[in-house]
């Protein structure tokens, strides 16, 4: 599970895509639980990640 704290330059905003892909490529099951502020302040990033990784 990835559940980082929020920041405009936080993990999801800077390396989220790359980190999730690396974990999936390594055979891990990934659950992303963003900080509530990430949903408010980084909606584009969340939507991009959802689009790319949702089955």
PDB file of N, CA and C in Angstrom:
ATOM      1  N   UNK A   1       0.851  -1.169   0.000  1.00  0.00           N
ATOM      2  CA  UNK A   1       0.000   0.000   0.000  1.00  0.00           C
ATOM      3  C   UNK A   1       0.897   1.232   0.000  1.00  0.00           C
ATOM      4  N   UNK A   2       0.551   2.167  -0.833  1.00  0.00           N
ATOM      5  CA  UNK A   2       1.247   3.452  -0.861  1.00  0.00           C
ATOM      6  C   UNK A   2       0.274   4.478  -0.305  1.00  0.00           C
ATOM      7  N   UNK A   3       0.625   5.150   0.792  1.00  0.00           N
ATOM      8  CA  UNK A   3      -0.240   6.143   1.420  1.00  0.00           C
ATOM      9  C   UNK A   3       0.604   7.343   1.866  1.00  0.00           C
ATOM     10  N   UNK A   4       1.123   8.100   0.911  1.00  0.00           N
ATOM     11  CA  UNK A   4       2.009   9.212   1.258  1.00  0.00           C
ATOM     12  C   UNK A   4       1.268  10.429   1.799  1.00  0.00           C
ATOM     13  N   UNK A   5       2.006  11.272   2.489  1.00  0.00           N
ATOM     14  CA  UNK A   5       1.439  12.533   2.953  1.00  0.00           C
ATOM     15  C   UNK A   5       1.324  13.479   1.760  1.00  0.00           C
ATOM     16  N   UNK A   6       0.709  14.630   1.977  1.00  0.00           N
ATOM     17  CA  UNK A   6       0.447  15.548   0.880  1.00  0.00           C
ATOM     18  C   UNK A   6       1.470  16.680   0.832  1.00  0.00           C
ATOM     19  N   UNK A   7       1.800  17.065  -0.381  1.00  0.00           N
ATOM     20  CA  UNK A   7       2.655  18.217  -0.652  1.00  0.00           C
ATOM     21  C   UNK A   7       2.572  18.461  -2.151  1.00  0.00           C
ATOM     22  N   UNK A   8       2.786  19.693  -2.577  1.00  0.00           N
ATOM     23  CA  UNK A   8       2.756  19.969  -4.015  1.00  0.00           C
ATOM     24  C   UNK A   8       3.902  19.274  -4.728  1.00  0.00           C
ATOM     25  N   UNK A   9       4.935  18.926  -3.989  1.00  0.00           N
ATOM     26  CA  UNK A   9       6.050  18.174  -4.572  1.00  0.00           C
ATOM     27  C   UNK A   9       6.208  16.829  -3.862  1.00  0.00           C
ATOM     28  N   UNK A  10       5.073  16.247  -3.497  1.00  0.00           N
ATOM     29  CA  UNK A  10       5.061  14.975  -2.789  1.00  0.00           C
ATOM     30  C   UNK A  10       5.314  13.790  -3.706  1.00  0.00           C
ATOM     31  N   UNK A  11       5.304  12.627  -3.127  1.00  0.00           N
ATOM     32  CA  UNK A  11       5.620  11.389  -3.837  1.00  0.00           C
ATOM     33  C   UNK A  11       4.697  11.146  -5.034  1.00  0.00           C
ATOM     34  N   UNK A  12       3.418  11.311  -4.852  1.00  0.00           N
ATOM     35  CA  UNK A  12       2.484  11.059  -5.951  1.00  0.00           C
ATOM     36  C   UNK A  12       2.699  12.062  -7.079  1.00  0.00           C
ATOM     37  N   UNK A  13       2.893  13.308  -6.727  1.00  0.00           N
ATOM     38  CA  UNK A  13       3.068  14.358  -7.735  1.00  0.00           C
ATOM     39  C   UNK A  13       4.386  14.239  -8.492  1.00  0.00           C
ATOM     40  N   UNK A  14       5.419  13.730  -7.849  1.00  0.00           N
ATOM     41  CA  UNK A  14       6.737  13.698  -8.489  1.00  0.00           C
ATOM     42  C   UNK A  14       7.125  12.334  -9.054  1.00  0.00           C
ATOM     43  N   UNK A  15       6.756  11.258  -8.382  1.00  0.00           N
ATOM     44  CA  UNK A  15       7.206   9.919  -8.793  1.00  0.00           C
ATOM     45  C   UNK A  15       6.100   8.871  -8.788  1.00  0.00           C
ATOM     46  N   UNK A  16       4.850   9.289  -8.621  1.00  0.00           N
ATOM     47  CA  UNK A  16       3.754   8.338  -8.478  1.00  0.00           C
ATOM     48  C   UNK A  16       3.651   7.342  -9.606  1.00  0.00           C
ATOM     49  N   UNK A  17       3.588   7.859 -10.832  1.00  0.00           N
ATOM     50  CA  UNK A  17       3.495   7.020 -12.025  1.00  0.00           C
ATOM     51  C   UNK A  17       4.643   6.013 -12.097  1.00  0.00           C
ATOM     52  N   UNK A  18       5.832   6.533 -11.946  1.00  0.00           N
ATOM     53  CA  UNK A  18       7.047   5.717 -12.050  1.00  0.00           C
ATOM     54  C   UNK A  18       7.103   4.655 -10.949  1.00  0.00           C
ATOM     55  N   UNK A  19       6.787   5.048  -9.726  1.00  0.00           N
ATOM     56  CA  UNK A  19       6.823   4.117  -8.595  1.00  0.00           C
ATOM     57  C   UNK A  19       5.804   2.994  -8.770  1.00  0.00           C
ATOM     58  N   UNK A  20       4.586   3.353  -9.133  1.00  0.00           N
ATOM     59  CA  UNK A  20       3.550   2.336  -9.320  1.00  0.00           C
ATOM     60  C   UNK A  20       3.952   1.361 -10.418  1.00  0.00           C
ATOM     61  N   UNK A  21       4.448   1.876 -11.528  1.00  0.00           N
ATOM     62  CA  UNK A  21       4.853   1.008 -12.636  1.00  0.00           C
ATOM     63  C   UNK A  21       5.975   0.067 -12.218  1.00  0.00           C
ATOM     64  N   UNK A  22       6.948   0.581 -11.481  1.00  0.00           N
ATOM     65  CA  UNK A  22       8.061  -0.241 -11.009  1.00  0.00           C
ATOM     66  C   UNK A  22       7.565  -1.361 -10.098  1.00  0.00           C
ATOM     67  N   UNK A  23       6.666  -1.029  -9.185  1.00  0.00           N
ATOM     68  CA  UNK A  23       6.128  -2.043  -8.275  1.00  0.00           C
ATOM     69  C   UNK A  23       5.324  -3.098  -9.032  1.00  0.00           C
ATOM     70  N   UNK A  24       4.498  -2.668  -9.970  1.00  0.00           N
ATOM     71  CA  UNK A  24       3.717  -3.619 -10.766  1.00  0.00           C
ATOM     72  C   UNK A  24       4.624  -4.515 -11.598  1.00  0.00           C
ATOM     73  N   UNK A  25       5.641  -3.924 -12.205  1.00  0.00           N
ATOM     74  CA  UNK A  25       6.591  -4.700 -13.007  1.00  0.00           C
ATOM     75  C   UNK A  25       7.347  -5.725 -12.166  1.00  0.00           C
ATOM     76  N   UNK A  26       7.476  -5.442 -10.872  1.00  0.00           N
ATOM     77  CA  UNK A  26       8.174  -6.361  -9.961  1.00  0.00           C
ATOM     78  C   UNK A  26       7.235  -7.412  -9.374  1.00  0.00           C
ATOM     79  N   UNK A  27       5.971  -7.386  -9.795  1.00  0.00           N
ATOM     80  CA  UNK A  27       5.024  -8.398  -9.358  1.00  0.00           C
ATOM     81  C   UNK A  27       4.202  -8.046  -8.131  1.00  0.00           C
ATOM     82  N   UNK A  28       4.298  -6.818  -7.666  1.00  0.00           N
ATOM     83  CA  UNK A  28       3.537  -6.407  -6.490  1.00  0.00           C
ATOM     84  C   UNK A  28       2.117  -6.012  -6.869  1.00  0.00           C
ATOM     85  N   UNK A  29       1.185  -6.239  -5.956  1.00  0.00           N
ATOM     86  CA  UNK A  29      -0.173  -5.725  -6.065  1.00  0.00           C
ATOM     87  C   UNK A  29      -0.141  -4.343  -5.415  1.00  0.00           C
ATOM     88  N   UNK A  30      -0.560  -3.317  -6.116  1.00  0.00           N
ATOM     89  CA  UNK A  30      -0.435  -1.949  -5.612  1.00  0.00           C
ATOM     90  C   UNK A  30      -1.806  -1.375  -5.286  1.00  0.00           C
ATOM     91  N   UNK A  31      -1.919  -0.825  -4.091  1.00  0.00           N
ATOM     92  CA  UNK A  31      -3.100  -0.079  -3.674  1.00  0.00           C
ATOM     93  C   UNK A  31      -2.620   1.327  -3.346  1.00  0.00           C
ATOM     94  N   UNK A  32      -3.155   2.305  -4.036  1.00  0.00           N
ATOM     95  CA  UNK A  32      -2.775   3.697  -3.795  1.00  0.00           C
ATOM     96  C   UNK A  32      -3.859   4.363  -2.969  1.00  0.00           C
ATOM     97  N   UNK A  33      -3.463   4.943  -1.859  1.00  0.00           N
ATOM     98  CA  UNK A  33      -4.399   5.668  -1.003  1.00  0.00           C
ATOM     99  C   UNK A  33      -3.849   7.077  -0.796  1.00  0.00           C
ATOM    100  N   UNK A  34      -4.201   7.980  -1.693  1.00  0.00           N
ATOM    101  CA  UNK A  34      -3.688   9.346  -1.586  1.00  0.00           C
ATOM    102  C   UNK A  34      -4.232  10.078  -0.360  1.00  0.00           C
ATOM    103  N   UNK A  35      -3.479  11.048   0.086  1.00  0.00           N
ATOM    104  CA  UNK A  35      -3.918  11.944   1.147  1.00  0.00           C
ATOM    105  C   UNK A  35      -5.145  12.704   0.636  1.00  0.00           C
ATOM    106  N   UNK A  36      -6.122  13.000   1.485  1.00  0.00           N
ATOM    107  CA  UNK A  36      -7.314  13.732   1.033  1.00  0.00           C
ATOM    108  C   UNK A  36      -7.005  15.047   0.299  1.00  0.00           C
ATOM    109  N   UNK A  37      -5.951  15.737   0.701  1.00  0.00           N
ATOM    110  CA  UNK A  37      -5.594  16.987   0.014  1.00  0.00           C
ATOM    111  C   UNK A  37      -5.083  16.725  -1.397  1.00  0.00           C
ATOM    112  N   UNK A  38      -4.528  15.551  -1.626  1.00  0.00           N
ATOM    113  CA  UNK A  38      -4.064  15.209  -2.967  1.00  0.00           C
ATOM    114  C   UNK A  38      -5.251  15.171  -3.922  1.00  0.00           C
ATOM    115  N   UNK A  39      -6.381  14.649  -3.455  1.00  0.00           N
ATOM    116  CA  UNK A  39      -7.587  14.634  -4.289  1.00  0.00           C
ATOM    117  C   UNK A  39      -8.034  16.051  -4.640  1.00  0.00           C
ATOM    118  N   UNK A  40      -7.872  16.974  -3.709  1.00  0.00           N
ATOM    119  CA  UNK A  40      -8.307  18.358  -3.947  1.00  0.00           C
ATOM    120  C   UNK A  40      -7.323  19.144  -4.792  1.00  0.00           C
ATOM    121  N   UNK A  41      -6.043  18.975  -4.537  1.00  0.00           N
ATOM    122  CA  UNK A  41      -5.026  19.825  -5.157  1.00  0.00           C
ATOM    123  C   UNK A  41      -4.329  19.214  -6.363  1.00  0.00           C
ATOM    124  N   UNK A  42      -4.434  17.909  -6.543  1.00  0.00           N
ATOM    125  CA  UNK A  42      -3.716  17.240  -7.644  1.00  0.00           C
ATOM    126  C   UNK A  42      -4.654  16.327  -8.435  1.00  0.00           C
ATOM    127  N   UNK A  43      -5.830  16.830  -8.746  1.00  0.00           N
ATOM    128  CA  UNK A  43      -6.833  16.015  -9.435  1.00  0.00           C
ATOM    129  C   UNK A  43      -6.341  15.490 -10.781  1.00  0.00           C
ATOM    130  N   UNK A  44      -5.608  16.303 -11.521  1.00  0.00           N
ATOM    131  CA  UNK A  44      -5.103  15.862 -12.825  1.00  0.00           C
ATOM    132  C   UNK A  44      -4.162  14.671 -12.673  1.00  0.00           C
ATOM    133  N   UNK A  45      -3.302  14.734 -11.675  1.00  0.00           N
ATOM    134  CA  UNK A  45      -2.358  13.643 -11.436  1.00  0.00           C
ATOM    135  C   UNK A  45      -3.097  12.367 -11.053  1.00  0.00           C
ATOM    136  N   UNK A  46      -4.070  12.476 -10.167  1.00  0.00           N
ATOM    137  CA  UNK A  46      -4.842  11.310  -9.736  1.00  0.00           C
ATOM    138  C   UNK A  46      -5.591  10.704 -10.919  1.00  0.00           C
ATOM    139  N   UNK A  47      -6.220  11.539 -11.723  1.00  0.00           N
ATOM    140  CA  UNK A  47      -6.965  11.035 -12.889  1.00  0.00           C
ATOM    141  C   UNK A  47      -6.035  10.340 -13.886  1.00  0.00           C
ATOM    142  N   UNK A  48      -4.840  10.897 -14.068  1.00  0.00           N
ATOM    143  CA  UNK A  48      -3.855  10.291 -14.975  1.00  0.00           C
ATOM    144  C   UNK A  48      -3.450   8.905 -14.468  1.00  0.00           C
ATOM    145  N   UNK A  49      -3.183   8.806 -13.176  1.00  0.00           N
ATOM    146  CA  UNK A  49      -2.795   7.527 -12.574  1.00  0.00           C
ATOM    147  C   UNK A  49      -3.951   6.527 -12.665  1.00  0.00           C
ATOM    148  N   UNK A  50      -5.165   6.981 -12.349  1.00  0.00           N
ATOM    149  CA  UNK A  50      -6.330   6.092 -12.435  1.00  0.00           C
ATOM    150  C   UNK A  50      -6.512   5.571 -13.859  1.00  0.00           C
ATOM    151  N   UNK A  51      -6.408   6.458 -14.829  1.00  0.00           N
ATOM    152  CA  UNK A  51      -6.594   6.065 -16.227  1.00  0.00           C
ATOM    153  C   UNK A  51      -5.542   5.041 -16.660  1.00  0.00           C
ATOM    154  N   UNK A  52      -4.313   5.266 -16.237  1.00  0.00           N
ATOM    155  CA  UNK A  52      -3.218   4.396 -16.650  1.00  0.00           C
ATOM    156  C   UNK A  52      -3.262   3.024 -15.978  1.00  0.00           C
ATOM    157  N   UNK A  53      -3.644   2.983 -14.708  1.00  0.00           N
ATOM    158  CA  UNK A  53      -3.486   1.748 -13.945  1.00  0.00           C
ATOM    159  C   UNK A  53      -4.773   1.034 -13.545  1.00  0.00           C
ATOM    160  N   UNK A  54      -5.932   1.626 -13.787  1.00  0.00           N
ATOM    161  CA  UNK A  54      -7.179   0.950 -13.434  1.00  0.00           C
ATOM    162  C   UNK A  54      -7.490  -0.113 -14.469  1.00  0.00           C
ATOM    163  N   UNK A  55      -7.802  -1.289 -13.980  1.00  0.00           N
ATOM    164  CA  UNK A  55      -8.101  -2.418 -14.884  1.00  0.00           C
ATOM    165  C   UNK A  55      -9.509  -2.314 -15.412  1.00  0.00           C
TER     166      UNK A  55
END
